[in-house]
């Protein structure tokens, strides 16, 4: 191969690579996700669907993690 043909080929490959990087792919999904509904947090075996018991459990947990309440109880 002569130098001129090699230079032309290299320029063509570089131009193709540069143009390939300029294309933008569609970012929209073909269809929207219609997945399953989420289960309620209190619907498991521990609370058996009792929302008030679940809320009380959350409140108790939050109170035990509160540093202000924990330090005042230690005094």
PDB file of N, CA and C in Angstrom:
ATOM      1  N   UNK A   1       0.838  -1.182   0.000  1.00  0.00           N
ATOM      2  CA  UNK A   1       0.000   0.000   0.000  1.00  0.00           C
ATOM      3  C   UNK A   1       0.878   1.239   0.000  1.00  0.00           C
ATOM      4  N   UNK A   2       0.418   2.202  -0.727  1.00  0.00           N
ATOM      5  CA  UNK A   2       1.194   3.433  -0.716  1.00  0.00           C
ATOM      6  C   UNK A   2       0.703   4.349   0.413  1.00  0.00           C
ATOM      7  N   UNK A   3       1.438   5.341   0.711  1.00  0.00           N
ATOM      8  CA  UNK A   3       1.173   6.225   1.845  1.00  0.00           C
ATOM      9  C   UNK A   3      -0.110   7.029   1.647  1.00  0.00           C
ATOM     10  N   UNK A   4      -0.382   7.402   0.399  1.00  0.00           N
ATOM     11  CA  UNK A   4      -1.566   8.212   0.140  1.00  0.00           C
ATOM     12  C   UNK A   4      -2.841   7.399   0.385  1.00  0.00           C
ATOM     13  N   UNK A   5      -2.860   6.164  -0.027  1.00  0.00           N
ATOM     14  CA  UNK A   5      -4.025   5.301   0.158  1.00  0.00           C
ATOM     15  C   UNK A   5      -4.236   5.010   1.646  1.00  0.00           C
ATOM     16  N   UNK A   6      -3.135   4.810   2.374  1.00  0.00           N
ATOM     17  CA  UNK A   6      -3.205   4.547   3.809  1.00  0.00           C
ATOM     18  C   UNK A   6      -3.722   5.770   4.560  1.00  0.00           C
ATOM     19  N   UNK A   7      -3.294   6.945   4.170  1.00  0.00           N
ATOM     20  CA  UNK A   7      -3.749   8.179   4.800  1.00  0.00           C
ATOM     21  C   UNK A   7      -5.237   8.409   4.529  1.00  0.00           C
ATOM     22  N   UNK A   8      -5.665   8.148   3.308  1.00  0.00           N
ATOM     23  CA  UNK A   8      -7.079   8.305   2.958  1.00  0.00           C
ATOM     24  C   UNK A   8      -7.936   7.336   3.762  1.00  0.00           C
ATOM     25  N   UNK A   9      -7.477   6.110   3.898  1.00  0.00           N
ATOM     26  CA  UNK A   9      -8.231   5.112   4.653  1.00  0.00           C
ATOM     27  C   UNK A   9      -8.314   5.487   6.132  1.00  0.00           C
ATOM     28  N   UNK A  10      -7.220   5.966   6.698  1.00  0.00           N
ATOM     29  CA  UNK A  10      -7.205   6.376   8.098  1.00  0.00           C
ATOM     30  C   UNK A  10      -8.134   7.561   8.319  1.00  0.00           C
ATOM     31  N   UNK A  11      -8.174   8.494   7.367  1.00  0.00           N
ATOM     32  CA  UNK A  11      -9.053   9.652   7.488  1.00  0.00           C
ATOM     33  C   UNK A  11     -10.515   9.216   7.409  1.00  0.00           C
ATOM     34  N   UNK A  12     -10.813   8.250   6.543  1.00  0.00           N
ATOM     35  CA  UNK A  12     -12.183   7.759   6.412  1.00  0.00           C
ATOM     36  C   UNK A  12     -12.628   7.058   7.688  1.00  0.00           C
ATOM     37  N   UNK A  13     -11.750   6.256   8.284  1.00  0.00           N
ATOM     38  CA  UNK A  13     -12.080   5.569   9.541  1.00  0.00           C
ATOM     39  C   UNK A  13     -12.277   6.585  10.661  1.00  0.00           C
ATOM     40  N   UNK A  14     -11.447   7.602  10.712  1.00  0.00           N
ATOM     41  CA  UNK A  14     -11.574   8.633  11.749  1.00  0.00           C
ATOM     42  C   UNK A  14     -12.874   9.414  11.578  1.00  0.00           C
ATOM     43  N   UNK A  15     -13.233   9.715  10.343  1.00  0.00           N
ATOM     44  CA  UNK A  15     -14.484  10.447  10.095  1.00  0.00           C
ATOM     45  C   UNK A  15     -15.688   9.587  10.466  1.00  0.00           C
ATOM     46  N   UNK A  16     -15.642   8.305  10.147  1.00  0.00           N
ATOM     47  CA  UNK A  16     -16.747   7.413  10.496  1.00  0.00           C
ATOM     48  C   UNK A  16     -16.890   7.293  12.013  1.00  0.00           C
ATOM     49  N   UNK A  17     -15.768   7.199  12.716  1.00  0.00           N
ATOM     50  CA  UNK A  17     -15.807   7.110  14.175  1.00  0.00           C
ATOM     51  C   UNK A  17     -16.356   8.394  14.787  1.00  0.00           C
ATOM     52  N   UNK A  18     -15.980   9.534  14.237  1.00  0.00           N
ATOM     53  CA  UNK A  18     -16.463  10.818  14.749  1.00  0.00           C
ATOM     54  C   UNK A  18     -17.962  10.972  14.513  1.00  0.00           C
ATOM     55  N   UNK A  19     -18.432  10.560  13.338  1.00  0.00           N
ATOM     56  CA  UNK A  19     -19.860  10.670  13.049  1.00  0.00           C
ATOM     57  C   UNK A  19     -20.675   9.672  13.856  1.00  0.00           C
ATOM     58  N   UNK A  20     -20.129   8.525  14.137  1.00  0.00           N
ATOM     59  CA  UNK A  20     -20.855   7.522  14.922  1.00  0.00           C
ATOM     60  C   UNK A  20     -21.063   8.006  16.358  1.00  0.00           C
ATOM     61  N   UNK A  21     -20.144   8.806  16.867  1.00  0.00           N
ATOM     62  CA  UNK A  21     -20.267   9.328  18.217  1.00  0.00           C
ATOM     63  C   UNK A  21     -21.273  10.454  18.333  1.00  0.00           C
ATOM     64  N   UNK A  22     -21.709  10.999  17.220  1.00  0.00           N
ATOM     65  CA  UNK A  22     -22.634  12.131  17.243  1.00  0.00           C
ATOM     66  C   UNK A  22     -24.095  11.719  17.221  1.00  0.00           C
ATOM     67  N   UNK A  23     -24.380  10.458  16.996  1.00  0.00           N
ATOM     68  CA  UNK A  23     -25.778  10.049  16.933  1.00  0.00           C
ATOM     69  C   UNK A  23     -26.358   9.959  18.328  1.00  0.00           C
ATOM     70  N   UNK A  24     -27.633  10.279  18.438  1.00  0.00           N
ATOM     71  CA  UNK A  24     -28.313  10.197  19.731  1.00  0.00           C
ATOM     72  C   UNK A  24     -29.358   9.092  19.673  1.00  0.00           C
ATOM     73  N   UNK A  25     -29.292   8.186  20.612  1.00  0.00           N
ATOM     74  CA  UNK A  25     -30.253   7.100  20.685  1.00  0.00           C
ATOM     75  C   UNK A  25     -31.496   7.571  21.422  1.00  0.00           C
ATOM     76  N   UNK A  26     -32.633   7.014  21.075  1.00  0.00           N
ATOM     77  CA  UNK A  26     -33.877   7.363  21.736  1.00  0.00           C
ATOM     78  C   UNK A  26     -33.843   6.886  23.186  1.00  0.00           C
ATOM     79  N   UNK A  27     -34.244   7.740  24.110  1.00  0.00           N
ATOM     80  CA  UNK A  27     -34.222   7.394  25.514  1.00  0.00           C
ATOM     81  C   UNK A  27     -35.616   7.077  26.046  1.00  0.00           C
ATOM     82  N   UNK A  28     -36.594   7.064  25.181  1.00  0.00           N
ATOM     83  CA  UNK A  28     -37.951   6.734  25.584  1.00  0.00           C
ATOM     84  C   UNK A  28     -38.156   5.233  25.484  1.00  0.00           C
ATOM     85  N   UNK A  29     -38.805   4.685  26.466  1.00  0.00           N
ATOM     86  CA  UNK A  29     -39.045   3.251  26.440  1.00  0.00           C
ATOM     87  C   UNK A  29     -40.157   2.937  25.443  1.00  0.00           C
ATOM     88  N   UNK A  30     -40.151   1.714  24.963  1.00  0.00           N
ATOM     89  CA  UNK A  30     -41.142   1.311  23.975  1.00  0.00           C
ATOM     90  C   UNK A  30     -42.534   1.263  24.601  1.00  0.00           C
ATOM     91  N   UNK A  31     -42.617   0.878  25.870  1.00  0.00           N
ATOM     92  CA  UNK A  31     -43.901   0.849  26.567  1.00  0.00           C
ATOM     93  C   UNK A  31     -43.663   1.214  28.025  1.00  0.00           C
ATOM     94  N   UNK A  32     -44.678   1.719  28.661  1.00  0.00           N
ATOM     95  CA  UNK A  32     -44.522   2.098  30.059  1.00  0.00           C
ATOM     96  C   UNK A  32     -44.589   0.860  30.951  1.00  0.00           C
ATOM     97  N   UNK A  33     -43.961   0.914  32.089  1.00  0.00           N
ATOM     98  CA  UNK A  33     -43.921  -0.220  33.008  1.00  0.00           C
ATOM     99  C   UNK A  33     -45.251  -0.328  33.742  1.00  0.00           C
ATOM    100  N   UNK A  34     -45.846  -1.477  33.671  1.00  0.00           N
ATOM    101  CA  UNK A  34     -47.125  -1.716  34.335  1.00  0.00           C
ATOM    102  C   UNK A  34     -46.947  -2.849  35.347  1.00  0.00           C
ATOM    103  N   UNK A  35     -45.960  -2.722  36.192  1.00  0.00           N
ATOM    104  CA  UNK A  35     -45.621  -3.783  37.137  1.00  0.00           C
ATOM    105  C   UNK A  35     -46.693  -4.022  38.178  1.00  0.00           C
ATOM    106  N   UNK A  36     -46.405  -4.952  39.045  1.00  0.00           N
ATOM    107  CA  UNK A  36     -47.366  -5.318  40.078  1.00  0.00           C
ATOM    108  C   UNK A  36     -47.451  -4.239  41.152  1.00  0.00           C
ATOM    109  N   UNK A  37     -48.551  -4.201  41.847  1.00  0.00           N
ATOM    110  CA  UNK A  37     -48.718  -3.239  42.939  1.00  0.00           C
ATOM    111  C   UNK A  37     -47.858  -3.663  44.122  1.00  0.00           C
ATOM    112  N   UNK A  38     -47.363  -2.700  44.838  1.00  0.00           N
ATOM    113  CA  UNK A  38     -46.580  -2.993  46.030  1.00  0.00           C
ATOM    114  C   UNK A  38     -47.499  -3.420  47.167  1.00  0.00           C
ATOM    115  N   UNK A  39     -47.001  -4.341  47.965  1.00  0.00           N
ATOM    116  CA  UNK A  39     -47.757  -4.778  49.145  1.00  0.00           C
ATOM    117  C   UNK A  39     -47.578  -3.743  50.251  1.00  0.00           C
ATOM    118  N   UNK A  40     -48.558  -3.611  51.107  1.00  0.00           N
ATOM    119  CA  UNK A  40     -48.465  -2.695  52.242  1.00  0.00           C
ATOM    120  C   UNK A  40     -47.424  -3.228  53.219  1.00  0.00           C
ATOM    121  N   UNK A  41     -46.736  -2.329  53.893  1.00  0.00           N
ATOM    122  CA  UNK A  41     -45.674  -2.734  54.812  1.00  0.00           C
ATOM    123  C   UNK A  41     -46.217  -3.536  55.990  1.00  0.00           C
ATOM    124  N   UNK A  42     -47.431  -3.291  56.371  1.00  0.00           N
ATOM    125  CA  UNK A  42     -48.016  -3.968  57.535  1.00  0.00           C
ATOM    126  C   UNK A  42     -48.811  -5.213  57.137  1.00  0.00           C
ATOM    127  N   UNK A  43     -48.711  -5.637  55.890  1.00  0.00           N
ATOM    128  CA  UNK A  43     -49.499  -6.786  55.423  1.00  0.00           C
ATOM    129  C   UNK A  43     -48.789  -8.113  55.647  1.00  0.00           C
ATOM    130  N   UNK A  44     -47.598  -8.105  56.217  1.00  0.00           N
ATOM    131  CA  UNK A  44     -46.838  -9.335  56.394  1.00  0.00           C
ATOM    132  C   UNK A  44     -47.296 -10.166  57.580  1.00  0.00           C
ATOM    133  N   UNK A  45     -46.514 -11.181  57.897  1.00  0.00           N
ATOM    134  CA  UNK A  45     -46.875 -12.099  58.981  1.00  0.00           C
ATOM    135  C   UNK A  45     -46.783 -11.453  60.363  1.00  0.00           C
ATOM    136  N   UNK A  46     -45.866 -10.485  60.530  1.00  0.00           N
ATOM    137  CA  UNK A  46     -45.661  -9.903  61.852  1.00  0.00           C
ATOM    138  C   UNK A  46     -46.868  -9.083  62.316  1.00  0.00           C
ATOM    139  N   UNK A  47     -47.463  -8.302  61.419  1.00  0.00           N
ATOM    140  CA  UNK A  47     -48.559  -7.416  61.818  1.00  0.00           C
ATOM    141  C   UNK A  47     -49.915  -7.903  61.329  1.00  0.00           C
ATOM    142  N   UNK A  48     -49.939  -8.800  60.394  1.00  0.00           N
ATOM    143  CA  UNK A  48     -51.174  -9.422  59.877  1.00  0.00           C
ATOM    144  C   UNK A  48     -52.220  -8.400  59.442  1.00  0.00           C
ATOM    145  N   UNK A  49     -51.756  -7.329  58.774  1.00  0.00           N
ATOM    146  CA  UNK A  49     -52.673  -6.325  58.246  1.00  0.00           C
ATOM    147  C   UNK A  49     -53.122  -5.280  59.246  1.00  0.00           C
ATOM    148  N   UNK A  50     -52.607  -5.299  60.480  1.00  0.00           N
ATOM    149  CA  UNK A  50     -53.003  -4.326  61.505  1.00  0.00           C
ATOM    150  C   UNK A  50     -52.136  -3.080  61.370  1.00  0.00           C
ATOM    151  N   UNK A  51     -52.668  -2.044  60.739  1.00  0.00           N
ATOM    152  CA  UNK A  51     -51.916  -0.827  60.479  1.00  0.00           C
ATOM    153  C   UNK A  51     -51.565  -0.096  61.769  1.00  0.00           C
ATOM    154  N   UNK A  52     -52.458  -0.076  62.734  1.00  0.00           N
ATOM    155  CA  UNK A  52     -52.191   0.633  63.994  1.00  0.00           C
ATOM    156  C   UNK A  52     -51.050  -0.025  64.766  1.00  0.00           C
ATOM    157  N   UNK A  53     -51.003  -1.341  64.757  1.00  0.00           N
ATOM    158  CA  UNK A  53     -49.910  -2.046  65.432  1.00  0.00           C
ATOM    159  C   UNK A  53     -48.581  -1.742  64.736  1.00  0.00           C
ATOM    160  N   UNK A  54     -48.601  -1.664  63.415  1.00  0.00           N
ATOM    161  CA  UNK A  54     -47.398  -1.337  62.646  1.00  0.00           C
ATOM    162  C   UNK A  54     -46.926   0.075  62.957  1.00  0.00           C
ATOM    163  N   UNK A  55     -47.870   1.045  63.012  1.00  0.00           N
ATOM    164  CA  UNK A  55     -47.505   2.425  63.323  1.00  0.00           C
ATOM    165  C   UNK A  55     -46.951   2.541  64.734  1.00  0.00           C
ATOM    166  N   UNK A  56     -47.520   1.800  65.677  1.00  0.00           N
ATOM    167  CA  UNK A  56     -47.016   1.817  67.049  1.00  0.00           C
ATOM    168  C   UNK A  56     -45.603   1.246  67.111  1.00  0.00           C
ATOM    169  N   UNK A  57     -45.351   0.214  66.347  1.00  0.00           N
ATOM    170  CA  UNK A  57     -44.021  -0.387  66.293  1.00  0.00           C
ATOM    171  C   UNK A  57     -43.000   0.599  65.726  1.00  0.00           C
ATOM    172  N   UNK A  58     -43.393   1.353  64.697  1.00  0.00           N
ATOM    173  CA  UNK A  58     -42.505   2.369  64.127  1.00  0.00           C
ATOM    174  C   UNK A  58     -42.212   3.476  65.132  1.00  0.00           C
ATOM    175  N   UNK A  59     -43.242   3.902  65.860  1.00  0.00           N
ATOM    176  CA  UNK A  59     -43.059   4.962  66.852  1.00  0.00           C
ATOM    177  C   UNK A  59     -42.134   4.501  67.976  1.00  0.00           C
ATOM    178  N   UNK A  60     -42.290   3.263  68.412  1.00  0.00           N
ATOM    179  CA  UNK A  60     -41.431   2.720  69.461  1.00  0.00           C
ATOM    180  C   UNK A  60     -39.990   2.628  68.982  1.00  0.00           C
ATOM    181  N   UNK A  61     -39.817   2.196  67.756  1.00  0.00           N
ATOM    182  CA  UNK A  61     -38.468   2.082  67.194  1.00  0.00           C
ATOM    183  C   UNK A  61     -37.821   3.459  67.067  1.00  0.00           C
ATOM    184  N   UNK A  62     -38.569   4.445  66.600  1.00  0.00           N
ATOM    185  CA  UNK A  62     -38.032   5.793  66.448  1.00  0.00           C
ATOM    186  C   UNK A  62     -37.658   6.384  67.807  1.00  0.00           C
ATOM    187  N   UNK A  63     -38.475   6.123  68.814  1.00  0.00           N
ATOM    188  CA  UNK A  63     -38.176   6.648  70.151  1.00  0.00           C
ATOM    189  C   UNK A  63     -36.926   6.013  70.727  1.00  0.00           C
ATOM    190  N   UNK A  64     -36.698   4.736  70.440  1.00  0.00           N
ATOM    191  CA  UNK A  64     -35.501   4.080  70.976  1.00  0.00           C
ATOM    192  C   UNK A  64     -34.244   4.514  70.238  1.00  0.00           C
ATOM    193  N   UNK A  65     -34.382   5.094  69.056  1.00  0.00           N
ATOM    194  CA  UNK A  65     -33.226   5.571  68.305  1.00  0.00           C
ATOM    195  C   UNK A  65     -32.984   7.063  68.512  1.00  0.00           C
ATOM    196  N   UNK A  66     -33.843   7.742  69.247  1.00  0.00           N
ATOM    197  CA  UNK A  66     -33.713   9.171  69.483  1.00  0.00           C
ATOM    198  C   UNK A  66     -32.674   9.399  70.583  1.00  0.00           C
ATOM    199  N   UNK A  67     -31.578  10.052  70.255  1.00  0.00           N
ATOM    200  CA  UNK A  67     -30.492  10.273  71.215  1.00  0.00           C
ATOM    201  C   UNK A  67     -30.922  11.165  72.377  1.00  0.00           C
ATOM    202  N   UNK A  68     -31.768  12.132  72.126  1.00  0.00           N
ATOM    203  CA  UNK A  68     -32.210  13.019  73.197  1.00  0.00           C
ATOM    204  C   UNK A  68     -33.000  12.247  74.251  1.00  0.00           C
ATOM    205  N   UNK A  69     -33.883  11.382  73.804  1.00  0.00           N
ATOM    206  CA  UNK A  69     -34.666  10.598  74.754  1.00  0.00           C
ATOM    207  C   UNK A  69     -33.789   9.577  75.479  1.00  0.00           C
ATOM    208  N   UNK A  70     -32.834   8.977  74.782  1.00  0.00           N
ATOM    209  CA  UNK A  70     -31.977   7.955  75.385  1.00  0.00           C
ATOM    210  C   UNK A  70     -31.053   8.576  76.447  1.00  0.00           C
ATOM    211  N   UNK A  71     -30.536   9.776  76.191  1.00  0.00           N
ATOM    212  CA  UNK A  71     -29.637  10.387  77.165  1.00  0.00           C
ATOM    213  C   UNK A  71     -30.390  10.924  78.380  1.00  0.00           C
ATOM    214  N   UNK A  72     -31.621  11.371  78.200  1.00  0.00           N
ATOM    215  CA  UNK A  72     -32.410  11.862  79.327  1.00  0.00           C
ATOM    216  C   UNK A  72     -32.853  10.686  80.198  1.00  0.00           C
ATOM    217  N   UNK A  73     -33.083   9.531  79.597  1.00  0.00           N
ATOM    218  CA  UNK A  73     -33.494   8.362  80.383  1.00  0.00           C
ATOM    219  C   UNK A  73     -32.315   7.835  81.211  1.00  0.00           C
ATOM    220  N   UNK A  74     -31.088   8.081  80.762  1.00  0.00           N
ATOM    221  CA  UNK A  74     -29.919   7.585  81.481  1.00  0.00           C
ATOM    222  C   UNK A  74     -29.598   8.445  82.708  1.00  0.00           C
ATOM    223  N   UNK A  75     -30.116   9.658  82.782  1.00  0.00           N
ATOM    224  CA  UNK A  75     -29.813  10.579  83.915  1.00  0.00           C
ATOM    225  C   UNK A  75     -30.495  10.157  85.170  1.00  0.00           C
TER     226      UNK A  75
END
